[in-house]
N, C-alpha and C. Protein backbone atom coordinates (compact mmCIF):
# COMPACT_ATOMS: atom_id res chain seq x y z
N MET A 1 -37.40 23.47 88.71
CA MET A 1 -37.09 22.55 89.78
C MET A 1 -38.04 21.37 89.70
N HIS A 2 -37.50 20.20 89.70
CA HIS A 2 -38.31 18.98 89.63
C HIS A 2 -38.55 18.45 91.04
N LEU A 3 -39.79 18.23 91.36
CA LEU A 3 -40.14 17.64 92.65
C LEU A 3 -40.56 16.20 92.41
N PRO A 4 -40.10 15.27 93.24
CA PRO A 4 -40.42 13.87 93.01
C PRO A 4 -41.91 13.55 93.19
N SER A 5 -42.60 14.30 94.03
CA SER A 5 -44.00 14.01 94.27
C SER A 5 -44.71 15.25 94.79
N TYR A 6 -45.97 15.36 94.44
CA TYR A 6 -46.79 16.46 94.93
C TYR A 6 -47.78 15.96 95.98
N HIS A 7 -47.54 14.78 96.48
CA HIS A 7 -48.47 14.18 97.43
C HIS A 7 -48.11 14.55 98.86
N CYS A 8 -49.13 14.61 99.68
CA CYS A 8 -48.96 14.89 101.11
C CYS A 8 -48.10 13.78 101.72
N VAL A 9 -47.11 14.16 102.53
CA VAL A 9 -46.21 13.17 103.12
C VAL A 9 -46.90 12.32 104.17
N VAL A 10 -48.02 12.79 104.70
CA VAL A 10 -48.75 12.03 105.72
C VAL A 10 -49.89 11.24 105.08
N CYS A 11 -50.65 11.88 104.21
CA CYS A 11 -51.80 11.25 103.55
C CYS A 11 -51.40 10.93 102.12
N VAL A 12 -50.50 10.02 101.92
CA VAL A 12 -49.82 9.78 100.65
C VAL A 12 -50.72 9.85 99.41
N PRO A 13 -51.93 9.30 99.42
CA PRO A 13 -52.70 9.37 98.17
C PRO A 13 -53.23 10.77 97.85
N GLU A 14 -53.21 11.68 98.80
CA GLU A 14 -53.76 13.03 98.59
C GLU A 14 -52.69 13.97 98.04
N GLU A 15 -53.06 14.74 97.02
CA GLU A 15 -52.16 15.77 96.53
C GLU A 15 -52.13 16.90 97.55
N GLU A 16 -50.95 17.41 97.82
CA GLU A 16 -50.83 18.47 98.80
C GLU A 16 -51.13 19.82 98.14
N THR A 17 -52.33 20.29 98.39
CA THR A 17 -52.76 21.60 97.92
C THR A 17 -53.00 22.47 99.15
N ILE A 18 -53.24 23.74 98.91
CA ILE A 18 -53.56 24.64 100.03
C ILE A 18 -54.83 24.15 100.72
N LEU A 19 -55.82 23.75 99.93
CA LEU A 19 -57.07 23.26 100.50
C LEU A 19 -56.82 22.03 101.37
N HIS A 20 -55.99 21.11 100.88
CA HIS A 20 -55.71 19.90 101.65
C HIS A 20 -54.94 20.24 102.93
N LEU A 21 -53.87 21.02 102.81
CA LEU A 21 -53.03 21.32 103.97
C LEU A 21 -53.80 22.00 105.08
N PHE A 22 -54.60 22.99 104.75
CA PHE A 22 -55.25 23.78 105.79
C PHE A 22 -56.66 23.33 106.15
N PHE A 23 -57.33 22.53 105.31
CA PHE A 23 -58.72 22.19 105.59
C PHE A 23 -59.05 20.71 105.50
N ASP A 24 -58.50 19.98 104.53
CA ASP A 24 -58.82 18.55 104.37
C ASP A 24 -57.94 17.63 105.20
N PHE A 25 -56.75 18.05 105.48
CA PHE A 25 -55.79 17.26 106.26
C PHE A 25 -56.41 16.98 107.63
N PRO A 26 -56.55 15.72 108.02
CA PRO A 26 -57.21 15.42 109.30
C PRO A 26 -56.61 16.14 110.49
N PHE A 27 -55.31 16.34 110.50
CA PHE A 27 -54.70 17.08 111.60
C PHE A 27 -55.21 18.52 111.62
N SER A 28 -55.27 19.16 110.46
CA SER A 28 -55.79 20.53 110.38
C SER A 28 -57.23 20.58 110.85
N GLN A 29 -58.01 19.58 110.46
CA GLN A 29 -59.41 19.53 110.90
C GLN A 29 -59.49 19.49 112.42
N ALA A 30 -58.61 18.73 113.05
CA ALA A 30 -58.60 18.65 114.51
C ALA A 30 -58.29 20.00 115.13
N CYS A 31 -57.36 20.72 114.54
CA CYS A 31 -57.01 22.06 115.05
C CYS A 31 -58.20 23.00 114.95
N TRP A 32 -58.89 22.99 113.81
CA TRP A 32 -60.05 23.87 113.64
C TRP A 32 -61.18 23.49 114.59
N VAL A 33 -61.41 22.20 114.77
CA VAL A 33 -62.45 21.76 115.72
C VAL A 33 -62.11 22.24 117.12
N PHE A 34 -60.86 22.10 117.50
CA PHE A 34 -60.42 22.55 118.82
C PHE A 34 -60.71 24.04 119.02
N LEU A 35 -60.51 24.83 117.97
CA LEU A 35 -60.74 26.27 118.06
C LEU A 35 -62.20 26.66 117.91
N GLY A 36 -63.04 25.69 117.56
CA GLY A 36 -64.46 25.98 117.38
C GLY A 36 -64.77 26.65 116.05
N ILE A 37 -63.91 26.43 115.07
CA ILE A 37 -64.11 27.02 113.75
C ILE A 37 -64.58 25.94 112.79
N GLN A 38 -65.72 26.21 112.16
CA GLN A 38 -66.31 25.27 111.22
C GLN A 38 -66.12 25.81 109.81
N TRP A 39 -65.61 24.97 108.91
CA TRP A 39 -65.39 25.38 107.52
C TRP A 39 -66.35 24.63 106.62
N ASN A 40 -67.05 25.35 105.76
CA ASN A 40 -67.91 24.73 104.75
C ASN A 40 -67.11 24.67 103.46
N LEU A 41 -66.54 23.51 103.19
CA LEU A 41 -65.64 23.35 102.04
C LEU A 41 -66.38 23.33 100.71
N ASN A 42 -67.72 23.37 100.75
CA ASN A 42 -68.50 23.41 99.52
C ASN A 42 -68.65 24.83 98.98
N LEU A 43 -68.24 25.82 99.77
CA LEU A 43 -68.35 27.22 99.36
C LEU A 43 -67.07 27.69 98.70
N PRO A 44 -67.16 28.75 97.88
CA PRO A 44 -65.93 29.38 97.38
C PRO A 44 -65.12 29.91 98.57
N PRO A 45 -63.80 30.04 98.44
CA PRO A 45 -62.96 30.41 99.58
C PRO A 45 -63.41 31.65 100.36
N LEU A 46 -63.74 32.73 99.68
CA LEU A 46 -64.15 33.94 100.39
C LEU A 46 -65.44 33.71 101.17
N ASP A 47 -66.42 33.05 100.55
CA ASP A 47 -67.68 32.75 101.24
C ASP A 47 -67.45 31.80 102.41
N MET A 48 -66.52 30.87 102.23
CA MET A 48 -66.19 29.93 103.30
C MET A 48 -65.67 30.68 104.53
N ILE A 49 -64.80 31.65 104.30
CA ILE A 49 -64.24 32.43 105.41
C ILE A 49 -65.31 33.30 106.06
N LEU A 50 -66.13 33.96 105.24
CA LEU A 50 -67.19 34.82 105.79
C LEU A 50 -68.20 34.01 106.59
N SER A 51 -68.55 32.84 106.10
CA SER A 51 -69.49 31.97 106.81
C SER A 51 -68.91 31.51 108.14
N SER A 52 -67.65 31.12 108.13
CA SER A 52 -67.01 30.66 109.36
C SER A 52 -66.88 31.79 110.37
N ARG A 53 -66.59 32.98 109.89
CA ARG A 53 -66.49 34.14 110.78
C ARG A 53 -67.82 34.42 111.47
N ALA A 54 -68.92 34.31 110.71
CA ALA A 54 -70.25 34.56 111.28
C ALA A 54 -70.58 33.52 112.35
N ILE A 55 -70.22 32.28 112.11
CA ILE A 55 -70.49 31.21 113.08
C ILE A 55 -69.60 31.36 114.30
N PHE A 56 -68.33 31.70 114.10
CA PHE A 56 -67.37 31.85 115.20
C PHE A 56 -67.81 32.96 116.15
N GLY A 57 -68.28 34.06 115.60
CA GLY A 57 -68.89 35.11 116.39
C GLY A 57 -67.97 35.87 117.33
N SER A 58 -66.73 36.08 116.95
CA SER A 58 -65.81 36.83 117.81
C SER A 58 -65.04 37.83 116.95
N SER A 59 -64.70 38.95 117.56
CA SER A 59 -63.98 39.99 116.84
C SER A 59 -62.52 39.60 116.55
N ILE A 60 -62.05 38.54 117.14
CA ILE A 60 -60.65 38.13 116.93
C ILE A 60 -60.52 36.97 115.94
N PHE A 61 -61.55 36.74 115.15
CA PHE A 61 -61.55 35.64 114.19
C PHE A 61 -60.32 35.69 113.27
N ARG A 62 -60.04 36.86 112.72
CA ARG A 62 -58.92 37.00 111.78
C ARG A 62 -57.60 36.59 112.44
N GLU A 63 -57.36 37.07 113.65
CA GLU A 63 -56.12 36.74 114.34
C GLU A 63 -56.02 35.25 114.61
N VAL A 64 -57.13 34.66 115.00
CA VAL A 64 -57.15 33.22 115.32
C VAL A 64 -56.85 32.39 114.09
N ILE A 65 -57.50 32.67 112.96
CA ILE A 65 -57.26 31.82 111.78
C ILE A 65 -55.86 32.03 111.21
N ILE A 66 -55.36 33.25 111.27
CA ILE A 66 -54.00 33.49 110.77
C ILE A 66 -52.98 32.73 111.61
N LEU A 67 -53.11 32.82 112.92
CA LEU A 67 -52.16 32.13 113.80
C LEU A 67 -52.30 30.61 113.69
N ALA A 68 -53.54 30.13 113.63
CA ALA A 68 -53.75 28.69 113.52
C ALA A 68 -53.16 28.15 112.22
N ALA A 69 -53.40 28.85 111.11
CA ALA A 69 -52.86 28.42 109.82
C ALA A 69 -51.33 28.48 109.82
N TRP A 70 -50.77 29.52 110.41
CA TRP A 70 -49.30 29.64 110.50
C TRP A 70 -48.72 28.45 111.27
N CYS A 71 -49.35 28.10 112.37
CA CYS A 71 -48.84 26.99 113.19
C CYS A 71 -49.05 25.65 112.51
N ILE A 72 -50.13 25.50 111.74
CA ILE A 72 -50.32 24.28 110.95
C ILE A 72 -49.19 24.18 109.92
N TRP A 73 -48.90 25.28 109.25
CA TRP A 73 -47.82 25.33 108.25
C TRP A 73 -46.47 24.96 108.89
N CYS A 74 -46.17 25.56 110.03
CA CYS A 74 -44.90 25.28 110.71
C CYS A 74 -44.82 23.82 111.14
N HIS A 75 -45.93 23.28 111.65
CA HIS A 75 -45.93 21.89 112.09
C HIS A 75 -45.74 20.94 110.90
N GLN A 76 -46.40 21.25 109.80
CA GLN A 76 -46.23 20.42 108.60
C GLN A 76 -44.78 20.46 108.12
N ASN A 77 -44.14 21.62 108.19
CA ASN A 77 -42.73 21.71 107.81
C ASN A 77 -41.84 20.88 108.74
N CYS A 78 -42.17 20.85 110.02
CA CYS A 78 -41.41 20.00 110.96
C CYS A 78 -41.56 18.53 110.61
N ILE A 79 -42.76 18.14 110.18
CA ILE A 79 -43.00 16.75 109.79
C ILE A 79 -42.17 16.41 108.56
N ILE A 80 -42.16 17.31 107.59
CA ILE A 80 -41.46 17.06 106.33
C ILE A 80 -39.94 17.15 106.48
N PHE A 81 -39.46 18.22 107.07
CA PHE A 81 -38.02 18.51 107.05
C PHE A 81 -37.26 18.05 108.29
N ASP A 82 -37.95 17.91 109.42
CA ASP A 82 -37.28 17.52 110.66
C ASP A 82 -37.66 16.12 111.12
N ASP A 83 -38.41 15.40 110.28
CA ASP A 83 -38.82 14.03 110.57
C ASP A 83 -39.60 13.92 111.88
N LYS A 84 -40.42 14.93 112.18
CA LYS A 84 -41.27 14.90 113.37
C LYS A 84 -42.55 14.14 113.05
N THR A 85 -43.29 13.77 114.09
CA THR A 85 -44.56 13.08 113.89
C THR A 85 -45.71 14.06 114.08
N VAL A 86 -46.86 13.69 113.56
CA VAL A 86 -48.06 14.50 113.72
C VAL A 86 -48.44 14.47 115.19
N SER A 87 -48.51 15.63 115.80
CA SER A 87 -48.82 15.72 117.22
C SER A 87 -49.52 17.05 117.50
N PHE A 88 -50.56 16.98 118.29
CA PHE A 88 -51.33 18.18 118.63
C PHE A 88 -50.55 19.11 119.55
N ALA A 89 -49.77 18.56 120.45
CA ALA A 89 -49.08 19.37 121.47
C ALA A 89 -48.17 20.44 120.87
N PRO A 90 -47.31 20.14 119.87
CA PRO A 90 -46.48 21.21 119.31
C PRO A 90 -47.31 22.30 118.62
N TRP A 91 -48.37 21.87 117.93
CA TRP A 91 -49.23 22.87 117.28
C TRP A 91 -49.86 23.78 118.33
N TYR A 92 -50.41 23.19 119.38
CA TYR A 92 -51.04 23.99 120.43
C TYR A 92 -50.03 24.90 121.12
N GLY A 93 -48.83 24.39 121.34
CA GLY A 93 -47.78 25.22 121.94
C GLY A 93 -47.44 26.41 121.07
N CYS A 94 -47.30 26.18 119.78
CA CYS A 94 -47.03 27.27 118.83
C CYS A 94 -48.18 28.26 118.83
N PHE A 95 -49.41 27.76 118.74
CA PHE A 95 -50.57 28.64 118.68
C PHE A 95 -50.70 29.49 119.94
N SER A 96 -50.59 28.86 121.10
CA SER A 96 -50.77 29.62 122.35
C SER A 96 -49.65 30.64 122.53
N THR A 97 -48.41 30.28 122.17
CA THR A 97 -47.29 31.22 122.27
C THR A 97 -47.50 32.41 121.34
N GLU A 98 -47.85 32.14 120.10
CA GLU A 98 -48.06 33.22 119.13
C GLU A 98 -49.24 34.11 119.53
N LEU A 99 -50.30 33.50 120.06
CA LEU A 99 -51.45 34.29 120.48
C LEU A 99 -51.09 35.21 121.64
N LYS A 100 -50.28 34.71 122.55
CA LYS A 100 -49.83 35.56 123.67
C LYS A 100 -48.98 36.72 123.15
N LEU A 101 -48.15 36.48 122.14
CA LEU A 101 -47.35 37.55 121.56
C LEU A 101 -48.23 38.60 120.88
N VAL A 102 -49.28 38.15 120.23
CA VAL A 102 -50.21 39.09 119.59
C VAL A 102 -50.87 39.98 120.63
N THR A 103 -51.17 39.43 121.80
CA THR A 103 -51.83 40.23 122.83
C THR A 103 -50.94 41.36 123.34
N LEU A 104 -49.63 41.23 123.19
CA LEU A 104 -48.74 42.30 123.63
C LEU A 104 -48.95 43.58 122.84
N THR A 105 -49.38 43.45 121.60
CA THR A 105 -49.59 44.62 120.75
C THR A 105 -51.06 45.01 120.65
N ALA A 106 -51.92 44.30 121.34
CA ALA A 106 -53.36 44.56 121.23
C ALA A 106 -53.77 45.79 122.02
N LYS A 107 -54.83 46.43 121.55
CA LYS A 107 -55.41 47.55 122.29
C LYS A 107 -55.94 47.01 123.60
N PRO A 108 -56.04 47.87 124.62
CA PRO A 108 -56.53 47.40 125.93
C PRO A 108 -57.86 46.66 125.84
N GLY A 109 -58.75 47.10 124.98
CA GLY A 109 -60.05 46.44 124.83
C GLY A 109 -59.96 45.05 124.23
N MET A 110 -58.84 44.77 123.56
CA MET A 110 -58.67 43.46 122.92
C MET A 110 -57.83 42.51 123.77
N LYS A 111 -57.49 42.89 124.97
CA LYS A 111 -56.66 42.05 125.83
C LYS A 111 -57.35 40.74 126.20
N LYS A 112 -58.63 40.63 125.85
CA LYS A 112 -59.34 39.39 126.12
C LYS A 112 -58.72 38.21 125.37
N LEU A 113 -57.88 38.48 124.38
CA LEU A 113 -57.17 37.40 123.69
C LEU A 113 -56.41 36.53 124.67
N ASN A 114 -55.81 37.18 125.66
CA ASN A 114 -55.01 36.46 126.65
C ASN A 114 -55.85 35.46 127.43
N ASN A 115 -57.07 35.83 127.74
CA ASN A 115 -57.95 34.95 128.51
C ASN A 115 -58.60 33.88 127.63
N LEU A 116 -58.59 34.09 126.33
CA LEU A 116 -59.27 33.19 125.42
C LEU A 116 -58.73 31.77 125.47
N LEU A 117 -57.45 31.63 125.72
CA LEU A 117 -56.85 30.29 125.76
C LEU A 117 -57.45 29.43 126.85
N PHE A 118 -57.96 30.06 127.89
CA PHE A 118 -58.40 29.30 129.05
C PHE A 118 -59.90 29.43 129.31
N CYS A 119 -60.63 30.01 128.37
CA CYS A 119 -62.07 30.14 128.59
C CYS A 119 -62.76 28.81 128.35
N ASN A 120 -64.02 28.71 128.68
CA ASN A 120 -64.77 27.46 128.55
C ASN A 120 -64.80 26.94 127.12
N GLY A 121 -64.79 27.83 126.14
CA GLY A 121 -64.86 27.41 124.75
C GLY A 121 -63.62 26.70 124.26
N TRP A 122 -62.48 26.88 124.91
CA TRP A 122 -61.24 26.29 124.42
C TRP A 122 -60.61 25.35 125.41
N ASN A 123 -61.40 24.74 126.26
CA ASN A 123 -60.83 23.72 127.14
C ASN A 123 -60.33 22.57 126.28
N PHE A 124 -59.19 22.04 126.64
CA PHE A 124 -58.60 20.94 125.88
C PHE A 124 -59.44 19.69 126.10
N ASN A 125 -60.11 19.23 125.07
CA ASN A 125 -61.01 18.09 125.18
C ASN A 125 -60.67 17.08 124.08
N VAL A 126 -59.87 16.09 124.42
CA VAL A 126 -59.42 15.10 123.45
C VAL A 126 -60.58 14.33 122.86
N LYS A 127 -61.54 13.91 123.67
CA LYS A 127 -62.67 13.13 123.16
C LYS A 127 -63.44 13.91 122.11
N ASN A 128 -63.66 15.20 122.35
CA ASN A 128 -64.39 16.03 121.40
C ASN A 128 -63.66 16.10 120.07
N ILE A 129 -62.36 16.26 120.11
CA ILE A 129 -61.57 16.36 118.88
C ILE A 129 -61.61 15.04 118.12
N LEU A 130 -61.40 13.95 118.81
CA LEU A 130 -61.38 12.65 118.14
C LEU A 130 -62.74 12.28 117.58
N TRP A 131 -63.81 12.67 118.27
CA TRP A 131 -65.15 12.32 117.82
C TRP A 131 -65.52 13.09 116.55
N GLN A 132 -65.12 14.35 116.46
CA GLN A 132 -65.56 15.19 115.35
C GLN A 132 -64.68 15.08 114.12
N CYS A 133 -63.52 14.48 114.22
CA CYS A 133 -62.61 14.41 113.07
C CYS A 133 -62.43 12.97 112.62
N ASN A 134 -62.33 12.79 111.34
CA ASN A 134 -62.16 11.47 110.79
C ASN A 134 -60.67 11.26 110.48
N PHE A 135 -59.96 10.64 111.40
CA PHE A 135 -58.53 10.42 111.19
C PHE A 135 -58.32 9.12 110.43
N TYR A 136 -57.34 9.12 109.57
CA TYR A 136 -56.99 7.90 108.85
C TYR A 136 -55.48 7.86 108.64
N SER A 137 -54.95 6.71 108.55
CA SER A 137 -53.56 6.39 108.23
C SER A 137 -52.52 6.94 109.21
N PHE A 138 -52.92 7.57 110.28
CA PHE A 138 -51.98 7.99 111.30
C PHE A 138 -52.76 8.30 112.57
N SER A 139 -52.06 8.38 113.66
CA SER A 139 -52.71 8.78 114.90
C SER A 139 -52.07 10.07 115.38
N ILE A 140 -52.84 10.85 116.08
CA ILE A 140 -52.34 12.10 116.63
C ILE A 140 -51.99 11.87 118.08
N THR A 141 -50.83 12.33 118.47
CA THR A 141 -50.35 12.16 119.83
C THR A 141 -50.72 13.38 120.66
N PHE A 142 -51.35 13.16 121.78
CA PHE A 142 -51.70 14.24 122.69
C PHE A 142 -50.78 14.14 123.90
N LEU A 143 -49.97 15.14 124.13
CA LEU A 143 -48.99 15.11 125.21
C LEU A 143 -49.31 16.18 126.24
N TYR A 144 -50.24 15.93 127.11
CA TYR A 144 -50.57 16.87 128.18
C TYR A 144 -50.66 16.14 129.48
C-alpha cells in the first residue's frame, strides 16, 4: 500500500511516529500536562514509563496512561478522517467517559478513580496547560 505522506497532518514538517503522536505532538503534551504526567523523552521507552510512574505516584498510573493514549489516538483519527479540529474538549470528554467506565469494573478499594476527575490535582486549568506546552502552527480550542 502506497501512502502519499508519512507526515503528521497537523504538524506537517514532522513525521508521524509513535513518539511524535503520543509525546512530541503539542496536543498530546497538553493532555499529559493536564494529567500531571511528565515524560523524559531522553530515556529509552521503558525507563521513560518507569520514571513517569514514579513521579506520578499513584497506583492507577497504568490505567491513566492507557486511557489517555487511547483518547489521543481516537482524537487524532477524528482530525484525519472526520476533518475535525484539534480541541481539548473532545479528548477530555473521551478520557473522563472511559475512566468512569473503568471504575465500574474496579475493586472497591480502587473506586477512587471516580473521584480522581474532580480532585485538586486535575482541576481544569487552561493557563497552566498553555504555559507548560509549546504550541505551534495551530491553536487548541477549549470548550467549557
